[in-house]
Amino acid sequence: MHISLGPLLYCWQKQQVTDFYQQVAASQIPLVYLGEAVCSRRRELKWGDYLELAQMLKQAGKEVVISTLALIEAPSEYTELKRQVDNGEFMVEANDMAAVYLANEHKLPFVCGASINNYNRASLDILQRFGMHRFVMPVELSKAWLSQVIQQKPSFEVEVLGHGYLPLAHSARCFTARHKQLTKDHCETVCREYSKGLLAQTQEQQPLLRLNGIQTQSASCLDLRSEITTMAQMGVDVFRVSPSSFDCIATANTLVDAINTPENAQHFAISSDANLERTQCNGYWFGEAGLAVHANP
């Protein structure tokens, strides 16, 4: 099993993003996803900037995958998608079926992202024939579902999001802009003000969701680190860490060490401390509500 670092899903300043990936380059993380996967209006980095970062990471010995938008809404976004898919060097993570179509048209291998709704083995086998190299399981599915789907060992790799805020949905509307009483077309990129998304709470002041532009995330952080050994035994190839801060680099580094010493997996068990339970979750993996917490899986 390998550890991957998913694409940065938040709108950070360009220098902050550059500093982040320079630290990633110096890390032990072998697989890095890179690119804007949420909103094309986030223009802190251009396509050329991402290519430069990809080259820097490649020179540092990383496998680099270019992540594409999860919701293609405009001809300009489709034009940019064509450039990404046909970059000539790096595999892409297809987060929209338009990217799958382009990769298949160019006879290029691709990673199928979690935002594409794959709920059965028949669909995955079709995508594999289209050129899918790796499948990222939709976050709302369970360990039991995955075990059944890969019971007959597939010819494609399997990746599971194991740590980070869950990407739950995408919308044509920007809820962050709406919160600021701005329209989506004149949003002023206000999502820059929220480095981990805008926290939404219930009327009882309990954390519920994170508004990240057009993306809705979980308020609680998914933590399946204690399941690494189980995943490896099942046949999962990649455990993904979704970054939300520079600290995630250290988390991923620790996991790289842990997969080489499975006996240390218990170190990653979710704490039963009441304060932590409000910020962590793992329910979907166990076939329950996503907000649920198994303190001792």
Protein backbone atom coordinates (compact mmCIF):
# COMPACT_ATOMS: atom_id res chain seq x y z
CA MET A 1 0.00 0.00 0.00
CA HIS A 2 1.05 3.57 -0.74
CA ILE A 3 0.16 6.91 0.84
CA SER A 4 -1.05 9.70 -1.41
CA LEU A 5 -1.66 13.40 -0.88
CA GLY A 6 -4.88 14.50 -2.57
CA PRO A 7 -5.31 17.82 -4.39
CA LEU A 8 -5.51 20.98 -2.32
CA LEU A 9 -9.25 21.74 -2.26
CA TYR A 10 -9.02 25.24 -0.77
CA CYS A 11 -8.16 28.63 -2.24
CA TRP A 12 -4.80 29.63 -0.81
CA GLN A 13 -2.53 32.48 -1.88
CA LYS A 14 -0.05 31.51 -4.60
CA GLN A 15 3.01 31.82 -2.36
CA GLN A 16 1.37 29.68 0.31
CA VAL A 17 0.62 26.98 -2.27
CA THR A 18 4.20 27.12 -3.55
CA ASP A 19 5.61 26.84 -0.03
CA PHE A 20 3.29 23.94 0.68
CA TYR A 21 4.41 21.89 -2.32
CA GLN A 22 8.06 22.67 -1.67
CA GLN A 23 7.60 20.98 1.69
CA VAL A 24 5.75 18.12 -0.01
CA ALA A 25 8.73 17.71 -2.36
CA ALA A 26 11.00 17.27 0.67
CA SER A 27 8.65 14.73 2.27
CA GLN A 28 8.44 10.93 1.99
CA ILE A 29 5.02 11.05 0.27
CA PRO A 30 5.36 9.03 -2.94
CA LEU A 31 2.14 10.04 -4.77
CA VAL A 32 0.83 13.61 -5.12
CA TYR A 33 -2.35 14.88 -6.75
CA LEU A 34 -2.07 18.45 -7.98
CA GLY A 35 -4.49 20.93 -9.52
CA GLU A 36 -7.70 22.91 -9.09
CA ALA A 37 -10.51 20.43 -8.53
CA VAL A 38 -13.23 22.74 -7.15
CA CYS A 39 -13.73 26.06 -8.97
CA SER A 40 -12.24 27.59 -12.12
CA ARG A 41 -12.73 31.08 -10.69
CA ARG A 42 -9.87 30.44 -8.32
CA ARG A 43 -7.06 31.98 -10.35
CA GLU A 44 -4.24 32.25 -7.82
CA LEU A 45 -2.38 29.68 -9.91
CA LYS A 46 -2.54 29.28 -13.67
CA TRP A 47 -2.10 26.05 -15.62
CA GLY A 48 1.56 26.92 -16.21
CA ASP A 49 2.10 27.32 -12.46
CA TYR A 50 0.70 23.87 -11.80
CA LEU A 51 2.94 22.39 -14.49
CA GLU A 52 5.98 23.98 -12.85
CA LEU A 53 4.97 22.52 -9.49
CA ALA A 54 4.38 19.14 -11.13
CA GLN A 55 7.88 19.20 -12.64
CA MET A 56 9.40 20.17 -9.29
CA LEU A 57 7.61 17.31 -7.54
CA LYS A 58 8.60 14.86 -10.28
CA GLN A 59 12.24 15.86 -9.94
CA ALA A 60 11.91 15.17 -6.21
CA GLY A 61 10.92 11.59 -7.06
CA LYS A 62 7.17 11.88 -6.67
CA GLU A 63 4.51 10.32 -8.87
CA VAL A 64 2.34 13.27 -9.91
CA VAL A 65 -1.29 13.14 -11.03
CA ILE A 66 -3.09 16.22 -12.36
CA SER A 67 -6.54 16.59 -10.74
CA THR A 68 -9.31 18.09 -12.88
CA LEU A 69 -12.50 19.97 -12.01
CA ALA A 70 -15.35 18.01 -10.47
CA LEU A 71 -18.01 20.10 -12.21
CA ILE A 72 -17.50 21.33 -15.79
CA GLU A 73 -19.95 24.19 -16.40
CA ALA A 74 -18.56 26.35 -19.22
CA PRO A 75 -16.84 25.97 -22.63
CA SER A 76 -13.75 27.70 -21.23
CA GLU A 77 -13.48 25.05 -18.52
CA TYR A 78 -13.75 22.30 -21.13
CA THR A 79 -10.98 23.96 -23.16
CA GLU A 80 -8.76 24.03 -20.06
CA LEU A 81 -9.65 20.40 -19.39
CA LYS A 82 -8.40 19.44 -22.84
CA ARG A 83 -5.03 21.03 -22.07
CA GLN A 84 -4.81 19.15 -18.80
CA VAL A 85 -5.69 15.75 -20.23
CA ASP A 86 -3.38 16.15 -23.21
CA ASN A 87 -0.43 17.52 -21.20
CA GLY A 88 1.89 14.88 -22.63
CA GLU A 89 3.53 13.82 -19.37
CA PHE A 90 1.30 13.41 -16.32
CA MET A 91 -1.69 11.16 -15.71
CA VAL A 92 -4.91 12.96 -14.79
CA GLU A 93 -7.49 12.33 -12.10
CA ALA A 94 -10.85 12.53 -13.88
CA ASN A 95 -13.37 14.13 -11.53
CA ASP A 96 -16.01 14.64 -14.22
CA MET A 97 -17.12 12.31 -17.03
CA ALA A 98 -15.90 14.89 -19.56
CA ALA A 99 -12.36 14.09 -18.44
CA VAL A 100 -13.05 10.36 -18.79
CA TYR A 101 -14.29 10.97 -22.34
CA LEU A 102 -11.19 12.99 -23.30
CA ALA A 103 -8.77 10.50 -21.75
CA ASN A 104 -10.47 7.65 -23.58
CA GLU A 105 -10.43 9.63 -26.83
CA HIS A 106 -6.67 10.18 -26.49
CA LYS A 107 -6.07 6.57 -25.33
CA LEU A 108 -4.56 7.84 -22.09
CA PRO A 109 -4.67 6.12 -18.69
CA PHE A 110 -6.44 8.01 -15.91
CA VAL A 111 -7.47 7.89 -12.28
CA CYS A 112 -11.23 7.92 -11.68
CA GLY A 113 -11.92 10.38 -8.86
CA ALA A 114 -14.38 9.92 -6.00
CA SER A 115 -16.75 12.57 -7.39
CA ILE A 116 -17.73 10.22 -10.25
CA ASN A 117 -20.56 8.03 -9.00
CA ASN A 118 -19.32 4.45 -9.26
CA TYR A 119 -21.51 2.10 -7.28
CA ASN A 120 -20.96 -1.32 -8.86
CA ARG A 121 -18.27 -3.50 -10.37
CA ALA A 122 -19.86 -3.45 -13.83
CA SER A 123 -19.34 0.32 -14.08
CA LEU A 124 -15.76 0.01 -12.89
CA ASP A 125 -14.99 -2.69 -15.44
CA ILE A 126 -16.32 -0.45 -18.21
CA LEU A 127 -14.18 2.44 -17.02
CA GLN A 128 -11.20 0.11 -16.86
CA ARG A 129 -11.73 -0.68 -20.53
CA PHE A 130 -11.81 3.07 -21.18
CA GLY A 131 -8.34 3.32 -19.63
CA MET A 132 -8.93 3.69 -15.89
CA HIS A 133 -5.73 2.86 -14.02
CA ARG A 134 -6.94 3.60 -10.49
CA PHE A 135 -10.35 4.00 -8.85
CA VAL A 136 -10.97 6.33 -5.90
CA MET A 137 -13.93 5.04 -3.90
CA PRO A 138 -16.82 7.50 -3.38
CA VAL A 139 -16.57 8.70 0.20
CA GLU A 140 -20.09 7.63 1.24
CA LEU A 141 -19.49 3.94 0.52
CA SER A 142 -18.43 1.35 3.07
CA LYS A 143 -15.76 -1.22 3.79
CA ALA A 144 -18.34 -3.98 3.22
CA TRP A 145 -19.26 -2.53 -0.19
CA LEU A 146 -15.64 -2.29 -1.26
CA SER A 147 -14.84 -5.78 -0.04
CA GLN A 148 -17.65 -7.19 -2.18
CA VAL A 149 -16.71 -5.16 -5.25
CA ILE A 150 -13.05 -6.21 -5.22
CA GLN A 151 -13.68 -9.77 -4.04
CA GLN A 152 -12.66 -10.83 -7.51
CA LYS A 153 -9.31 -9.06 -7.76
CA PRO A 154 -9.55 -6.23 -10.30
CA SER A 155 -6.93 -5.25 -12.86
CA PHE A 156 -7.15 -1.63 -11.68
CA GLU A 157 -5.83 -0.12 -8.46
CA VAL A 158 -8.07 0.98 -5.57
CA GLU A 159 -7.64 4.19 -3.57
CA VAL A 160 -9.56 5.22 -0.44
CA LEU A 161 -9.75 8.64 1.16
CA GLY A 162 -8.60 7.88 4.68
CA HIS A 163 -7.88 11.24 6.29
CA GLY A 164 -9.29 14.72 5.71
CA TYR A 165 -12.55 16.59 5.34
CA LEU A 166 -15.05 14.64 3.26
CA PRO A 167 -16.03 16.19 -0.10
CA LEU A 168 -19.78 15.55 -0.01
CA ALA A 169 -21.28 17.47 -2.93
CA HIS A 170 -20.79 20.09 -5.64
CA SER A 171 -23.29 22.69 -6.77
CA ALA A 172 -23.65 25.18 -9.60
CA ARG A 173 -24.10 27.79 -6.85
CA CYS A 174 -21.32 29.18 -4.68
CA PHE A 175 -22.46 29.11 -1.08
CA THR A 176 -19.41 31.00 0.18
CA ALA A 177 -20.21 33.92 -2.13
CA ARG A 178 -23.88 33.74 -1.13
CA HIS A 179 -22.88 33.96 2.53
CA LYS A 180 -21.08 37.20 1.68
CA GLN A 181 -24.12 38.43 -0.31
CA LEU A 182 -22.19 38.22 -3.57
CA THR A 183 -23.13 36.57 -6.83
CA LYS A 184 -21.10 33.68 -8.17
CA ASP A 185 -20.03 35.67 -11.25
CA HIS A 186 -18.77 38.50 -9.01
CA CYS A 187 -17.58 36.47 -6.05
CA GLU A 188 -14.29 38.37 -5.54
CA THR A 189 -12.84 34.93 -4.72
CA VAL A 190 -13.97 35.33 -1.11
CA CYS A 191 -13.16 31.68 -0.43
CA ARG A 192 -9.56 32.90 0.04
CA GLU A 193 -10.70 34.11 3.46
CA TYR A 194 -11.41 30.56 4.62
CA SER A 195 -8.32 28.35 4.45
CA LYS A 196 -10.33 25.30 5.58
CA GLY A 197 -13.74 26.30 4.28
CA LEU A 198 -16.53 28.16 6.04
CA LEU A 199 -17.92 26.20 8.98
CA ALA A 200 -21.71 25.80 9.07
CA GLN A 201 -23.40 24.79 12.33
CA THR A 202 -26.79 23.52 13.41
CA GLN A 203 -29.20 25.67 15.43
CA GLU A 204 -27.73 23.93 18.48
CA GLN A 205 -24.30 25.30 17.51
CA GLN A 206 -22.95 21.91 16.56
CA PRO A 207 -20.54 21.71 13.56
CA LEU A 208 -22.29 20.18 10.56
CA LEU A 209 -20.70 21.15 7.20
CA ARG A 210 -17.92 23.17 5.61
CA LEU A 211 -18.78 25.46 2.71
CA ASN A 212 -15.86 25.54 0.29
CA GLY A 213 -17.06 27.61 -2.65
CA ILE A 214 -19.27 25.36 -4.77
CA GLN A 215 -18.16 22.34 -2.74
CA THR A 216 -19.79 21.12 0.47
CA GLN A 217 -17.57 19.20 2.89
CA SER A 218 -17.98 17.53 6.26
CA ALA A 219 -17.32 19.65 9.33
CA SER A 220 -15.61 16.68 10.97
CA CYS A 221 -12.34 15.24 9.75
CA LEU A 222 -12.45 11.68 8.46
CA ASP A 223 -9.90 9.53 10.27
CA LEU A 224 -9.37 5.96 9.09
CA ARG A 225 -5.72 5.67 10.05
CA SER A 226 -6.48 2.76 12.37
CA GLU A 227 -7.88 0.88 9.35
CA ILE A 228 -4.68 0.90 7.31
CA THR A 229 -3.83 -2.72 8.08
CA THR A 230 -7.38 -3.83 7.27
CA MET A 231 -7.33 -1.92 3.99
CA ALA A 232 -4.03 -3.49 2.99
CA GLN A 233 -5.40 -6.95 3.71
CA MET A 234 -8.50 -6.19 1.62
CA GLY A 235 -6.39 -5.17 -1.37
CA VAL A 236 -6.56 -1.38 -1.19
CA ASP A 237 -3.54 0.02 -3.01
CA VAL A 238 -3.54 3.69 -1.92
CA PHE A 239 -4.56 5.50 1.29
CA ARG A 240 -5.28 9.17 0.57
CA VAL A 241 -4.69 12.13 2.86
CA SER A 242 -6.68 15.21 1.79
CA PRO A 243 -4.67 18.30 2.77
CA SER A 244 -6.17 21.18 4.72
CA SER A 245 -3.01 22.58 6.32
CA PHE A 246 0.76 22.18 6.31
CA ASP A 247 0.35 19.74 9.21
CA CYS A 248 -1.12 17.21 6.78
CA ILE A 249 2.35 16.71 5.33
CA ALA A 250 3.58 15.44 8.68
CA THR A 251 0.47 13.24 8.98
CA ALA A 252 1.17 11.67 5.60
CA ASN A 253 4.86 11.24 6.43
CA THR A 254 3.96 9.39 9.62
CA LEU A 255 1.63 7.13 7.66
CA VAL A 256 4.40 6.29 5.20
CA ASP A 257 6.42 5.03 8.16
CA ALA A 258 3.41 3.23 9.62
CA ILE A 259 2.69 1.10 6.57
CA ASN A 260 6.17 -0.35 6.94
CA THR A 261 5.45 -1.24 10.59
CA PRO A 262 1.83 -2.53 10.71
CA GLU A 263 2.17 -3.40 14.39
CA ASN A 264 2.07 0.33 15.09
CA ALA A 265 -1.40 0.73 13.54
CA GLN A 266 -3.02 0.89 16.97
CA HIS A 267 -1.21 4.20 17.43
CA PHE A 268 -3.70 5.70 14.98
CA ALA A 269 -6.91 4.59 16.70
CA ILE A 270 -9.42 7.41 17.05
CA SER A 271 -9.37 8.81 20.54
CA SER A 272 -12.45 8.35 22.69
CA ASP A 273 -11.97 11.83 24.15
CA ALA A 274 -15.32 13.64 23.90
CA ASN A 275 -13.77 16.81 22.46
CA LEU A 276 -12.09 14.89 19.66
CA GLU A 277 -15.23 12.94 18.83
CA ARG A 278 -16.89 16.17 17.75
CA THR A 279 -14.17 16.80 15.20
CA GLN A 280 -13.52 13.32 13.86
CA CYS A 281 -15.69 10.84 11.97
CA ASN A 282 -15.51 7.47 10.23
CA GLY A 283 -19.12 6.31 9.97
CA TYR A 284 -19.39 5.78 6.23
CA TRP A 285 -16.59 3.25 6.24
CA PHE A 286 -18.54 1.17 8.75
CA GLY A 287 -21.84 1.46 6.89
CA GLU A 288 -23.32 4.07 9.21
CA ALA A 289 -24.04 7.79 9.13
CA GLY A 290 -20.98 9.70 8.02
CA LEU A 291 -20.83 11.74 11.25
CA ALA A 292 -20.62 8.61 13.38
CA VAL A 293 -17.44 7.79 15.30
CA HIS A 294 -16.06 4.35 16.14
CA ALA A 295 -13.65 5.07 18.96
CA ASN A 296 -12.34 1.48 18.95
CA PRO A 297 -12.86 -0.02 15.46
